[in-house]
Amino acid sequence: MDYITPADLKKQLDSNATFTLLDIREQYELDICQIGGVHIPMSEVSARANELDANAQTAVLCRSGKRAEAVANFLATDADFSHVSIVKGGILAWITEVDSSLESY
């Protein structure tokens, strides 16, 4: 597992790179702000991991990065995902570093 900065994530999104952005925040958090990707709340990831491609590059996003660390660890160790990264600082860092027009919470 490694980390991806919000700036590097933005570059990947802008270049239409092939990867999965997994947003594990709760629905009420997405209602406040979101940047796209696949939404699977943290509590459902273990039951729904089979909906994702375990061989694809996967970047896990939460509010600040803490929940993403736990989910990334699960995906890498228990679900045998080969390329998992954590969006460093989560959506809060994205708002600070990439898009300040999004509402912070």
PDB file of N, CA and C in Angstrom:
ATOM      1  N   MET A   1       0.828  -1.180   0.000  1.00  0.00           N
ATOM      2  CA  MET A   1       0.000   0.000   0.000  1.00  0.00           C
ATOM      3  C   MET A   1       0.872   1.242   0.000  1.00  0.00           C
ATOM      4  N   ASP A   2       0.359   2.240  -0.669  1.00  0.00           N
ATOM      5  CA  ASP A   2       1.062   3.507  -0.662  1.00  0.00           C
ATOM      6  C   ASP A   2       0.043   4.636  -0.603  1.00  0.00           C
ATOM      7  N   TYR A   3       0.525   5.836  -0.674  1.00  0.00           N
ATOM      8  CA  TYR A   3      -0.325   7.019  -0.634  1.00  0.00           C
ATOM      9  C   TYR A   3      -0.282   7.715  -1.976  1.00  0.00           C
ATOM     10  N   ILE A   4      -1.401   8.349  -2.310  1.00  0.00           N
ATOM     11  CA  ILE A   4      -1.456   9.200  -3.486  1.00  0.00           C
ATOM     12  C   ILE A   4      -1.911  10.577  -3.002  1.00  0.00           C
ATOM     13  N   THR A   5      -1.224  11.601  -3.443  1.00  0.00           N
ATOM     14  CA  THR A   5      -1.593  12.952  -3.034  1.00  0.00           C
ATOM     15  C   THR A   5      -2.829  13.400  -3.810  1.00  0.00           C
ATOM     16  N   PRO A   6      -3.567  14.344  -3.273  1.00  0.00           N
ATOM     17  CA  PRO A   6      -4.697  14.872  -4.034  1.00  0.00           C
ATOM     18  C   PRO A   6      -4.277  15.424  -5.396  1.00  0.00           C
ATOM     19  N   ALA A   7      -3.119  16.071  -5.473  1.00  0.00           N
ATOM     20  CA  ALA A   7      -2.651  16.619  -6.756  1.00  0.00           C
ATOM     21  C   ALA A   7      -2.410  15.502  -7.768  1.00  0.00           C
ATOM     22  N   ASP A   8      -1.786  14.396  -7.324  1.00  0.00           N
ATOM     23  CA  ASP A   8      -1.549  13.275  -8.234  1.00  0.00           C
ATOM     24  C   ASP A   8      -2.858  12.586  -8.623  1.00  0.00           C
ATOM     25  N   LEU A   9      -3.787  12.514  -7.690  1.00  0.00           N
ATOM     26  CA  LEU A   9      -5.101  11.951  -8.011  1.00  0.00           C
ATOM     27  C   LEU A   9      -5.797  12.805  -9.061  1.00  0.00           C
ATOM     28  N   LYS A  10      -5.707  14.112  -8.916  1.00  0.00           N
ATOM     29  CA  LYS A  10      -6.313  15.022  -9.901  1.00  0.00           C
ATOM     30  C   LYS A  10      -5.715  14.788 -11.282  1.00  0.00           C
ATOM     31  N   LYS A  11      -4.392  14.614 -11.345  1.00  0.00           N
ATOM     32  CA  LYS A  11      -3.743  14.341 -12.630  1.00  0.00           C
ATOM     33  C   LYS A  11      -4.281  13.056 -13.243  1.00  0.00           C
ATOM     34  N   GLN A  12      -4.446  12.025 -12.427  1.00  0.00           N
ATOM     35  CA  GLN A  12      -4.976  10.754 -12.940  1.00  0.00           C
ATOM     36  C   GLN A  12      -6.407  10.922 -13.435  1.00  0.00           C
ATOM     37  N   LEU A  13      -7.216  11.631 -12.673  1.00  0.00           N
ATOM     38  CA  LEU A  13      -8.602  11.859 -13.096  1.00  0.00           C
ATOM     39  C   LEU A  13      -8.648  12.659 -14.393  1.00  0.00           C
ATOM     40  N   ASP A  14      -7.827  13.707 -14.481  1.00  0.00           N
ATOM     41  CA  ASP A  14      -7.816  14.552 -15.678  1.00  0.00           C
ATOM     42  C   ASP A  14      -7.320  13.812 -16.916  1.00  0.00           C
ATOM     43  N   SER A  15      -6.437  12.839 -16.718  1.00  0.00           N
ATOM     44  CA  SER A  15      -5.882  12.109 -17.862  1.00  0.00           C
ATOM     45  C   SER A  15      -6.698  10.858 -18.202  1.00  0.00           C
ATOM     46  N   ASN A  16      -7.806  10.667 -17.492  1.00  0.00           N
ATOM     47  CA  ASN A  16      -8.643   9.482 -17.697  1.00  0.00           C
ATOM     48  C   ASN A  16      -7.857   8.191 -17.524  1.00  0.00           C
ATOM     49  N   ALA A  17      -6.923   8.194 -16.594  1.00  0.00           N
ATOM     50  CA  ALA A  17      -6.142   6.984 -16.295  1.00  0.00           C
ATOM     51  C   ALA A  17      -7.085   5.874 -15.849  1.00  0.00           C
ATOM     52  N   THR A  18      -6.666   4.653 -16.106  1.00  0.00           N
ATOM     53  CA  THR A  18      -7.466   3.508 -15.722  1.00  0.00           C
ATOM     54  C   THR A  18      -7.168   3.127 -14.280  1.00  0.00           C
ATOM     55  N   PHE A  19      -8.088   3.446 -13.401  1.00  0.00           N
ATOM     56  CA  PHE A  19      -7.979   3.095 -11.990  1.00  0.00           C
ATOM     57  C   PHE A  19      -9.359   3.242 -11.371  1.00  0.00           C
ATOM     58  N   THR A  20      -9.510   2.725 -10.177  1.00  0.00           N
ATOM     59  CA  THR A  20     -10.771   2.844  -9.457  1.00  0.00           C
ATOM     60  C   THR A  20     -10.579   3.794  -8.287  1.00  0.00           C
ATOM     61  N   LEU A  21     -11.399   4.818  -8.233  1.00  0.00           N
ATOM     62  CA  LEU A  21     -11.455   5.687  -7.065  1.00  0.00           C
ATOM     63  C   LEU A  21     -12.590   5.152  -6.207  1.00  0.00           C
ATOM     64  N   LEU A  22     -12.260   4.627  -5.045  1.00  0.00           N
ATOM     65  CA  LEU A  22     -13.243   4.042  -4.138  1.00  0.00           C
ATOM     66  C   LEU A  22     -13.516   5.017  -3.005  1.00  0.00           C
ATOM     67  N   ASP A  23     -14.696   5.603  -3.014  1.00  0.00           N
ATOM     68  CA  ASP A  23     -15.107   6.551  -1.974  1.00  0.00           C
ATOM     69  C   ASP A  23     -15.873   5.762  -0.920  1.00  0.00           C
ATOM     70  N   ILE A  24     -15.307   5.682   0.284  1.00  0.00           N
ATOM     71  CA  ILE A  24     -15.896   4.851   1.341  1.00  0.00           C
ATOM     72  C   ILE A  24     -16.674   5.667   2.369  1.00  0.00           C
ATOM     73  N   ARG A  25     -16.900   6.931   2.083  1.00  0.00           N
ATOM     74  CA  ARG A  25     -17.643   7.771   3.020  1.00  0.00           C
ATOM     75  C   ARG A  25     -19.126   7.398   3.016  1.00  0.00           C
ATOM     76  N   GLU A  26     -19.830   7.859   4.022  1.00  0.00           N
ATOM     77  CA  GLU A  26     -21.263   7.603   4.128  1.00  0.00           C
ATOM     78  C   GLU A  26     -22.031   8.492   3.148  1.00  0.00           C
ATOM     79  N   GLN A  27     -23.264   8.110   2.847  1.00  0.00           N
ATOM     80  CA  GLN A  27     -24.062   8.854   1.877  1.00  0.00           C
ATOM     81  C   GLN A  27     -24.228  10.319   2.275  1.00  0.00           C
ATOM     82  N   TYR A  28     -24.444  10.591   3.552  1.00  0.00           N
ATOM     83  CA  TYR A  28     -24.611  11.994   3.962  1.00  0.00           C
ATOM     84  C   TYR A  28     -23.350  12.808   3.669  1.00  0.00           C
ATOM     85  N   GLU A  29     -22.175  12.167   3.697  1.00  0.00           N
ATOM     86  CA  GLU A  29     -20.937  12.864   3.381  1.00  0.00           C
ATOM     87  C   GLU A  29     -20.856  13.167   1.890  1.00  0.00           C
ATOM     88  N   LEU A  30     -21.295  12.217   1.069  1.00  0.00           N
ATOM     89  CA  LEU A  30     -21.321  12.450  -0.372  1.00  0.00           C
ATOM     90  C   LEU A  30     -22.308  13.548  -0.732  1.00  0.00           C
ATOM     91  N   ASP A  31     -23.390  13.649   0.049  1.00  0.00           N
ATOM     92  CA  ASP A  31     -24.371  14.696  -0.206  1.00  0.00           C
ATOM     93  C   ASP A  31     -23.767  16.080   0.018  1.00  0.00           C
ATOM     94  N   ILE A  32     -22.730  16.180   0.844  1.00  0.00           N
ATOM     95  CA  ILE A  32     -22.061  17.452   1.104  1.00  0.00           C
ATOM     96  C   ILE A  32     -21.098  17.782  -0.033  1.00  0.00           C
ATOM     97  N   CYS A  33     -20.259  16.817  -0.427  1.00  0.00           N
ATOM     98  CA  CYS A  33     -19.308  17.032  -1.515  1.00  0.00           C
ATOM     99  C   CYS A  33     -18.794  15.684  -2.014  1.00  0.00           C
ATOM    100  N   GLN A  34     -18.462  15.648  -3.292  1.00  0.00           N
ATOM    101  CA  GLN A  34     -17.903  14.430  -3.872  1.00  0.00           C
ATOM    102  C   GLN A  34     -17.127  14.755  -5.133  1.00  0.00           C
ATOM    103  N   ILE A  35     -16.235  13.818  -5.491  1.00  0.00           N
ATOM    104  CA  ILE A  35     -15.417  14.019  -6.694  1.00  0.00           C
ATOM    105  C   ILE A  35     -15.562  12.861  -7.676  1.00  0.00           C
ATOM    106  N   GLY A  36     -16.539  12.003  -7.442  1.00  0.00           N
ATOM    107  CA  GLY A  36     -16.782  10.888  -8.342  1.00  0.00           C
ATOM    108  C   GLY A  36     -16.231   9.589  -7.806  1.00  0.00           C
ATOM    109  N   GLY A  37     -16.164   8.604  -8.659  1.00  0.00           N
ATOM    110  CA  GLY A  37     -15.669   7.300  -8.266  1.00  0.00           C
ATOM    111  C   GLY A  37     -16.789   6.351  -7.899  1.00  0.00           C
ATOM    112  N   VAL A  38     -16.405   5.217  -7.365  1.00  0.00           N
ATOM    113  CA  VAL A  38     -17.332   4.182  -6.928  1.00  0.00           C
ATOM    114  C   VAL A  38     -17.612   4.408  -5.448  1.00  0.00           C
ATOM    115  N   HIS A  39     -18.882   4.438  -5.093  1.00  0.00           N
ATOM    116  CA  HIS A  39     -19.233   4.646  -3.687  1.00  0.00           C
ATOM    117  C   HIS A  39     -19.634   3.314  -3.047  1.00  0.00           C
ATOM    118  N   ILE A  40     -18.842   2.894  -2.071  1.00  0.00           N
ATOM    119  CA  ILE A  40     -19.185   1.768  -1.206  1.00  0.00           C
ATOM    120  C   ILE A  40     -18.848   2.219   0.211  1.00  0.00           C
ATOM    121  N   PRO A  41     -19.863   2.428   1.067  1.00  0.00           N
ATOM    122  CA  PRO A  41     -19.569   2.847   2.435  1.00  0.00           C
ATOM    123  C   PRO A  41     -18.638   1.859   3.141  1.00  0.00           C
ATOM    124  N   MET A  42     -17.816   2.374   4.024  1.00  0.00           N
ATOM    125  CA  MET A  42     -16.826   1.549   4.713  1.00  0.00           C
ATOM    126  C   MET A  42     -17.441   0.284   5.295  1.00  0.00           C
ATOM    127  N   SER A  43     -18.614   0.399   5.899  1.00  0.00           N
ATOM    128  CA  SER A  43     -19.246  -0.746   6.550  1.00  0.00           C
ATOM    129  C   SER A  43     -19.658  -1.839   5.575  1.00  0.00           C
ATOM    130  N   GLU A  44     -19.687  -1.534   4.284  1.00  0.00           N
ATOM    131  CA  GLU A  44     -20.112  -2.507   3.277  1.00  0.00           C
ATOM    132  C   GLU A  44     -18.966  -3.057   2.439  1.00  0.00           C
ATOM    133  N   VAL A  45     -17.770  -2.540   2.614  1.00  0.00           N
ATOM    134  CA  VAL A  45     -16.648  -2.920   1.743  1.00  0.00           C
ATOM    135  C   VAL A  45     -16.359  -4.414   1.802  1.00  0.00           C
ATOM    136  N   SER A  46     -16.325  -5.002   2.988  1.00  0.00           N
ATOM    137  CA  SER A  46     -15.978  -6.429   3.067  1.00  0.00           C
ATOM    138  C   SER A  46     -17.002  -7.290   2.330  1.00  0.00           C
ATOM    139  N   ALA A  47     -18.261  -6.920   2.382  1.00  0.00           N
ATOM    140  CA  ALA A  47     -19.303  -7.693   1.704  1.00  0.00           C
ATOM    141  C   ALA A  47     -19.367  -7.404   0.206  1.00  0.00           C
ATOM    142  N   ARG A  48     -18.875  -6.250  -0.205  1.00  0.00           N
ATOM    143  CA  ARG A  48     -19.018  -5.843  -1.603  1.00  0.00           C
ATOM    144  C   ARG A  48     -17.701  -5.736  -2.362  1.00  0.00           C
ATOM    145  N   ALA A  49     -16.596  -6.159  -1.768  1.00  0.00           N
ATOM    146  CA  ALA A  49     -15.288  -6.052  -2.425  1.00  0.00           C
ATOM    147  C   ALA A  49     -15.273  -6.764  -3.770  1.00  0.00           C
ATOM    148  N   ASN A  50     -16.090  -7.796  -3.911  1.00  0.00           N
ATOM    149  CA  ASN A  50     -16.137  -8.544  -5.176  1.00  0.00           C
ATOM    150  C   ASN A  50     -16.722  -7.717  -6.321  1.00  0.00           C
ATOM    151  N   GLU A  51     -17.278  -6.558  -6.031  1.00  0.00           N
ATOM    152  CA  GLU A  51     -17.783  -5.672  -7.083  1.00  0.00           C
ATOM    153  C   GLU A  51     -16.648  -4.885  -7.743  1.00  0.00           C
ATOM    154  N   LEU A  52     -15.475  -4.945  -7.150  1.00  0.00           N
ATOM    155  CA  LEU A  52     -14.314  -4.205  -7.639  1.00  0.00           C
ATOM    156  C   LEU A  52     -13.318  -5.156  -8.290  1.00  0.00           C
ATOM    157  N   ASP A  53     -12.487  -4.629  -9.171  1.00  0.00           N
ATOM    158  CA  ASP A  53     -11.444  -5.407  -9.827  1.00  0.00           C
ATOM    159  C   ASP A  53     -10.204  -5.437  -8.939  1.00  0.00           C
ATOM    160  N   ALA A  54      -9.906  -6.595  -8.395  1.00  0.00           N
ATOM    161  CA  ALA A  54      -8.774  -6.734  -7.471  1.00  0.00           C
ATOM    162  C   ALA A  54      -7.430  -6.504  -8.149  1.00  0.00           C
ATOM    163  N   ASN A  55      -7.385  -6.544  -9.480  1.00  0.00           N
ATOM    164  CA  ASN A  55      -6.136  -6.339 -10.204  1.00  0.00           C
ATOM    165  C   ASN A  55      -5.950  -4.897 -10.667  1.00  0.00           C
ATOM    166  N   ALA A  56      -6.977  -4.094 -10.531  1.00  0.00           N
ATOM    167  CA  ALA A  56      -6.892  -2.693 -10.966  1.00  0.00           C
ATOM    168  C   ALA A  56      -6.257  -1.840  -9.874  1.00  0.00           C
ATOM    169  N   GLN A  57      -5.646  -0.755 -10.289  1.00  0.00           N
ATOM    170  CA  GLN A  57      -5.157   0.241  -9.335  1.00  0.00           C
ATOM    171  C   GLN A  57      -6.383   0.817  -8.633  1.00  0.00           C
ATOM    172  N   THR A  58      -6.374   0.806  -7.308  1.00  0.00           N
ATOM    173  CA  THR A  58      -7.506   1.299  -6.528  1.00  0.00           C
ATOM    174  C   THR A  58      -7.018   2.352  -5.545  1.00  0.00           C
ATOM    175  N   ALA A  59      -7.634   3.529  -5.581  1.00  0.00           N
ATOM    176  CA  ALA A  59      -7.334   4.604  -4.634  1.00  0.00           C
ATOM    177  C   ALA A  59      -8.531   4.745  -3.707  1.00  0.00           C
ATOM    178  N   VAL A  60      -8.294   4.667  -2.401  1.00  0.00           N
ATOM    179  CA  VAL A  60      -9.364   4.702  -1.409  1.00  0.00           C
ATOM    180  C   VAL A  60      -9.449   6.097  -0.802  1.00  0.00           C
ATOM    181  N   LEU A  61     -10.661   6.652  -0.796  1.00  0.00           N
ATOM    182  CA  LEU A  61     -10.903   8.012  -0.331  1.00  0.00           C
ATOM    183  C   LEU A  61     -11.904   8.020   0.817  1.00  0.00           C
ATOM    184  N   CYS A  62     -11.581   8.764   1.862  1.00  0.00           N
ATOM    185  CA  CYS A  62     -12.527   9.022   2.952  1.00  0.00           C
ATOM    186  C   CYS A  62     -12.444  10.510   3.292  1.00  0.00           C
ATOM    187  N   ARG A  63     -12.857  10.893   4.485  1.00  0.00           N
ATOM    188  CA  ARG A  63     -12.840  12.314   4.850  1.00  0.00           C
ATOM    189  C   ARG A  63     -11.423  12.810   5.102  1.00  0.00           C
ATOM    190  N   SER A  64     -10.653  12.082   5.928  1.00  0.00           N
ATOM    191  CA  SER A  64      -9.326  12.577   6.306  1.00  0.00           C
ATOM    192  C   SER A  64      -8.191  11.587   6.025  1.00  0.00           C
ATOM    193  N   GLY A  65      -8.518  10.362   5.677  1.00  0.00           N
ATOM    194  CA  GLY A  65      -7.507   9.355   5.390  1.00  0.00           C
ATOM    195  C   GLY A  65      -7.469   8.210   6.379  1.00  0.00           C
ATOM    196  N   LYS A  66      -8.039   8.378   7.558  1.00  0.00           N
ATOM    197  CA  LYS A  66      -7.975   7.332   8.588  1.00  0.00           C
ATOM    198  C   LYS A  66      -8.784   6.103   8.205  1.00  0.00           C
ATOM    199  N   ARG A  67     -10.031   6.293   7.800  1.00  0.00           N
ATOM    200  CA  ARG A  67     -10.857   5.149   7.391  1.00  0.00           C
ATOM    201  C   ARG A  67     -10.279   4.497   6.144  1.00  0.00           C
ATOM    202  N   ALA A  68      -9.734   5.306   5.250  1.00  0.00           N
ATOM    203  CA  ALA A  68      -9.148   4.772   4.020  1.00  0.00           C
ATOM    204  C   ALA A  68      -7.988   3.832   4.326  1.00  0.00           C
ATOM    205  N   GLU A  69      -7.208   4.135   5.356  1.00  0.00           N
ATOM    206  CA  GLU A  69      -6.102   3.255   5.741  1.00  0.00           C
ATOM    207  C   GLU A  69      -6.619   1.879   6.136  1.00  0.00           C
ATOM    208  N   ALA A  70      -7.673   1.842   6.926  1.00  0.00           N
ATOM    209  CA  ALA A  70      -8.233   0.563   7.364  1.00  0.00           C
ATOM    210  C   ALA A  70      -8.789  -0.219   6.181  1.00  0.00           C
ATOM    211  N   VAL A  71      -9.507   0.446   5.298  1.00  0.00           N
ATOM    212  CA  VAL A  71     -10.087  -0.243   4.140  1.00  0.00           C
ATOM    213  C   VAL A  71      -8.994  -0.703   3.183  1.00  0.00           C
ATOM    214  N   ALA A  72      -8.008   0.132   2.940  1.00  0.00           N
ATOM    215  CA  ALA A  72      -6.903  -0.252   2.054  1.00  0.00           C
ATOM    216  C   ALA A  72      -6.172  -1.466   2.610  1.00  0.00           C
ATOM    217  N   ASN A  73      -5.971  -1.489   3.911  1.00  0.00           N
ATOM    218  CA  ASN A  73      -5.325  -2.635   4.545  1.00  0.00           C
ATOM    219  C   ASN A  73      -6.164  -3.893   4.348  1.00  0.00           C
ATOM    220  N   PHE A  74      -7.469  -3.793   4.530  1.00  0.00           N
ATOM    221  CA  PHE A  74      -8.351  -4.938   4.303  1.00  0.00           C
ATOM    222  C   PHE A  74      -8.262  -5.414   2.854  1.00  0.00           C
ATOM    223  N   LEU A  75      -8.355  -4.480   1.911  1.00  0.00           N
ATOM    224  CA  LEU A  75      -8.321  -4.863   0.496  1.00  0.00           C
ATOM    225  C   LEU A  75      -7.009  -5.554   0.137  1.00  0.00           C
ATOM    226  N   ALA A  76      -5.905  -5.033   0.648  1.00  0.00           N
ATOM    227  CA  ALA A  76      -4.588  -5.594   0.310  1.00  0.00           C
ATOM    228  C   ALA A  76      -4.338  -6.937   0.986  1.00  0.00           C
ATOM    229  N   THR A  77      -4.752  -7.083   2.224  1.00  0.00           N
ATOM    230  CA  THR A  77      -4.410  -8.305   2.958  1.00  0.00           C
ATOM    231  C   THR A  77      -5.490  -9.373   2.913  1.00  0.00           C
ATOM    232  N   ASP A  78      -6.744  -8.985   3.062  1.00  0.00           N
ATOM    233  CA  ASP A  78      -7.820  -9.977   3.132  1.00  0.00           C
ATOM    234  C   ASP A  78      -8.495 -10.233   1.793  1.00  0.00           C
ATOM    235  N   ALA A  79      -8.521  -9.238   0.929  1.00  0.00           N
ATOM    236  CA  ALA A  79      -9.213  -9.391  -0.354  1.00  0.00           C
ATOM    237  C   ALA A  79      -8.248  -9.548  -1.524  1.00  0.00           C
ATOM    238  N   ASP A  80      -6.950  -9.592  -1.243  1.00  0.00           N
ATOM    239  CA  ASP A  80      -5.913  -9.832  -2.253  1.00  0.00           C
ATOM    240  C   ASP A  80      -5.894  -8.831  -3.403  1.00  0.00           C
ATOM    241  N   PHE A  81      -6.160  -7.565  -3.097  1.00  0.00           N
ATOM    242  CA  PHE A  81      -6.030  -6.522  -4.112  1.00  0.00           C
ATOM    243  C   PHE A  81      -4.544  -6.266  -4.300  1.00  0.00           C
ATOM    244  N   SER A  82      -4.118  -6.113  -5.537  1.00  0.00           N
ATOM    245  CA  SER A  82      -2.689  -6.010  -5.803  1.00  0.00           C
ATOM    246  C   SER A  82      -2.142  -4.580  -5.792  1.00  0.00           C
ATOM    247  N   HIS A  83      -2.968  -3.583  -6.051  1.00  0.00           N
ATOM    248  CA  HIS A  83      -2.488  -2.200  -6.155  1.00  0.00           C
ATOM    249  C   HIS A  83      -3.460  -1.263  -5.441  1.00  0.00           C
ATOM    250  N   VAL A  84      -3.232  -1.048  -4.166  1.00  0.00           N
ATOM    251  CA  VAL A  84      -4.126  -0.205  -3.372  1.00  0.00           C
ATOM    252  C   VAL A  84      -3.354   0.997  -2.846  1.00  0.00           C
ATOM    253  N   SER A  85      -3.953   2.167  -2.981  1.00  0.00           N
ATOM    254  CA  SER A  85      -3.348   3.367  -2.406  1.00  0.00           C
ATOM    255  C   SER A  85      -4.411   4.131  -1.620  1.00  0.00           C
ATOM    256  N   ILE A  86      -3.933   4.979  -0.750  1.00  0.00           N
ATOM    257  CA  ILE A  86      -4.779   5.788   0.115  1.00  0.00           C
ATOM    258  C   ILE A  86      -4.647   7.234  -0.332  1.00  0.00           C
ATOM    259  N   VAL A  87      -5.770   7.913  -0.514  1.00  0.00           N
ATOM    260  CA  VAL A  87      -5.719   9.330  -0.853  1.00  0.00           C
ATOM    261  C   VAL A  87      -5.305  10.074   0.412  1.00  0.00           C
ATOM    262  N   LYS A  88      -4.096  10.596   0.381  1.00  0.00           N
ATOM    263  CA  LYS A  88      -3.494  11.234   1.550  1.00  0.00           C
ATOM    264  C   LYS A  88      -4.307  12.460   1.975  1.00  0.00           C
ATOM    265  N   GLY A  89      -4.807  12.419   3.211  1.00  0.00           N
ATOM    266  CA  GLY A  89      -5.575  13.544   3.733  1.00  0.00           C
ATOM    267  C   GLY A  89      -7.040  13.540   3.358  1.00  0.00           C
ATOM    268  N   GLY A  90      -7.457  12.580   2.530  1.00  0.00           N
ATOM    269  CA  GLY A  90      -8.860  12.441   2.167  1.00  0.00           C
ATOM    270  C   GLY A  90      -9.447  13.626   1.426  1.00  0.00           C
ATOM    271  N   ILE A  91     -10.775  13.702   1.497  1.00  0.00           N
ATOM    272  CA  ILE A  91     -11.474  14.772   0.782  1.00  0.00           C
ATOM    273  C   ILE A  91     -11.125  16.141   1.365  1.00  0.00           C
ATOM    274  N   LEU A  92     -10.768  16.185   2.652  1.00  0.00           N
ATOM    275  CA  LEU A  92     -10.377  17.464   3.241  1.00  0.00           C
ATOM    276  C   LEU A  92      -9.119  18.017   2.577  1.00  0.00           C
ATOM    277  N   ALA A  93      -8.147  17.152   2.310  1.00  0.00           N
ATOM    278  CA  ALA A  93      -6.935  17.584   1.611  1.00  0.00           C
ATOM    279  C   ALA A  93      -7.256  17.954   0.161  1.00  0.00           C
ATOM    280  N   TRP A  94      -8.160  17.203  -0.468  1.00  0.00           N
ATOM    281  CA  TRP A  94      -8.586  17.527  -1.826  1.00  0.00           C
ATOM    282  C   TRP A  94      -9.147  18.951  -1.870  1.00  0.00           C
ATOM    283  N   ILE A  95      -9.991  19.285  -0.900  1.00  0.00           N
ATOM    284  CA  ILE A  95     -10.592  20.620  -0.850  1.00  0.00           C
ATOM    285  C   ILE A  95      -9.506  21.685  -0.663  1.00  0.00           C
ATOM    286  N   THR A  96      -8.554  21.426   0.215  1.00  0.00           N
ATOM    287  CA  THR A  96      -7.482  22.384   0.491  1.00  0.00           C
ATOM    288  C   THR A  96      -6.525  22.530  -0.683  1.00  0.00           C
ATOM    289  N   GLU A  97      -6.165  21.418  -1.308  1.00  0.00           N
ATOM    290  CA  GLU A  97      -5.102  21.425  -2.316  1.00  0.00           C
ATOM    291  C   GLU A  97      -5.575  21.506  -3.762  1.00  0.00           C
ATOM    292  N   VAL A  98      -6.827  21.076  -4.024  1.00  0.00           N
ATOM    293  CA  VAL A  98      -7.252  20.965  -5.423  1.00  0.00           C
ATOM    294  C   VAL A  98      -8.484  21.817  -5.734  1.00  0.00           C
ATOM    295  N   ASP A  99      -9.538  21.702  -4.928  1.00  0.00           N
ATOM    296  CA  ASP A  99     -10.801  22.351  -5.275  1.00  0.00           C
ATOM    297  C   ASP A  99     -11.461  22.954  -4.048  1.00  0.00           C
ATOM    298  N   SER A 100     -11.126  24.196  -3.781  1.00  0.00           N
ATOM    299  CA  SER A 100     -11.660  24.881  -2.598  1.00  0.00           C
ATOM    300  C   SER A 100     -13.126  25.278  -2.758  1.00  0.00           C
ATOM    301  N   SER A 101     -13.709  25.046  -3.924  1.00  0.00           N
ATOM    302  CA  SER A 101     -15.116  25.372  -4.115  1.00  0.00           C
ATOM    303  C   SER A 101     -16.030  24.327  -3.461  1.00  0.00           C
ATOM    304  N   LEU A 102     -15.478  23.168  -3.134  1.00  0.00           N
ATOM    305  CA  LEU A 102     -16.273  22.134  -2.478  1.00  0.00           C
ATOM    306  C   LEU A 102     -16.484  22.496  -1.017  1.00  0.00           C
ATOM    307  N   GLU A 103     -17.625  22.101  -0.484  1.00  0.00           N
ATOM    308  CA  GLU A 103     -17.932  22.378   0.901  1.00  0.00           C
ATOM    309  C   GLU A 103     -17.168  21.434   1.814  1.00  0.00           C
ATOM    310  N   SER A 104     -16.516  21.989   2.817  1.00  0.00           N
ATOM    311  CA  SER A 104     -15.788  21.205   3.801  1.00  0.00           C
ATOM    312  C   SER A 104     -16.723  20.875   4.956  1.00  0.00           C
ATOM    313  N   TYR A 105     -16.436  19.772   5.611  1.00  0.00           N
ATOM    314  CA  TYR A 105     -17.279  19.383   6.762  1.00  0.00           C
ATOM    315  C   TYR A 105     -16.443  18.706   7.818  1.00  0.00           C
TER     316      TYR A 105
END
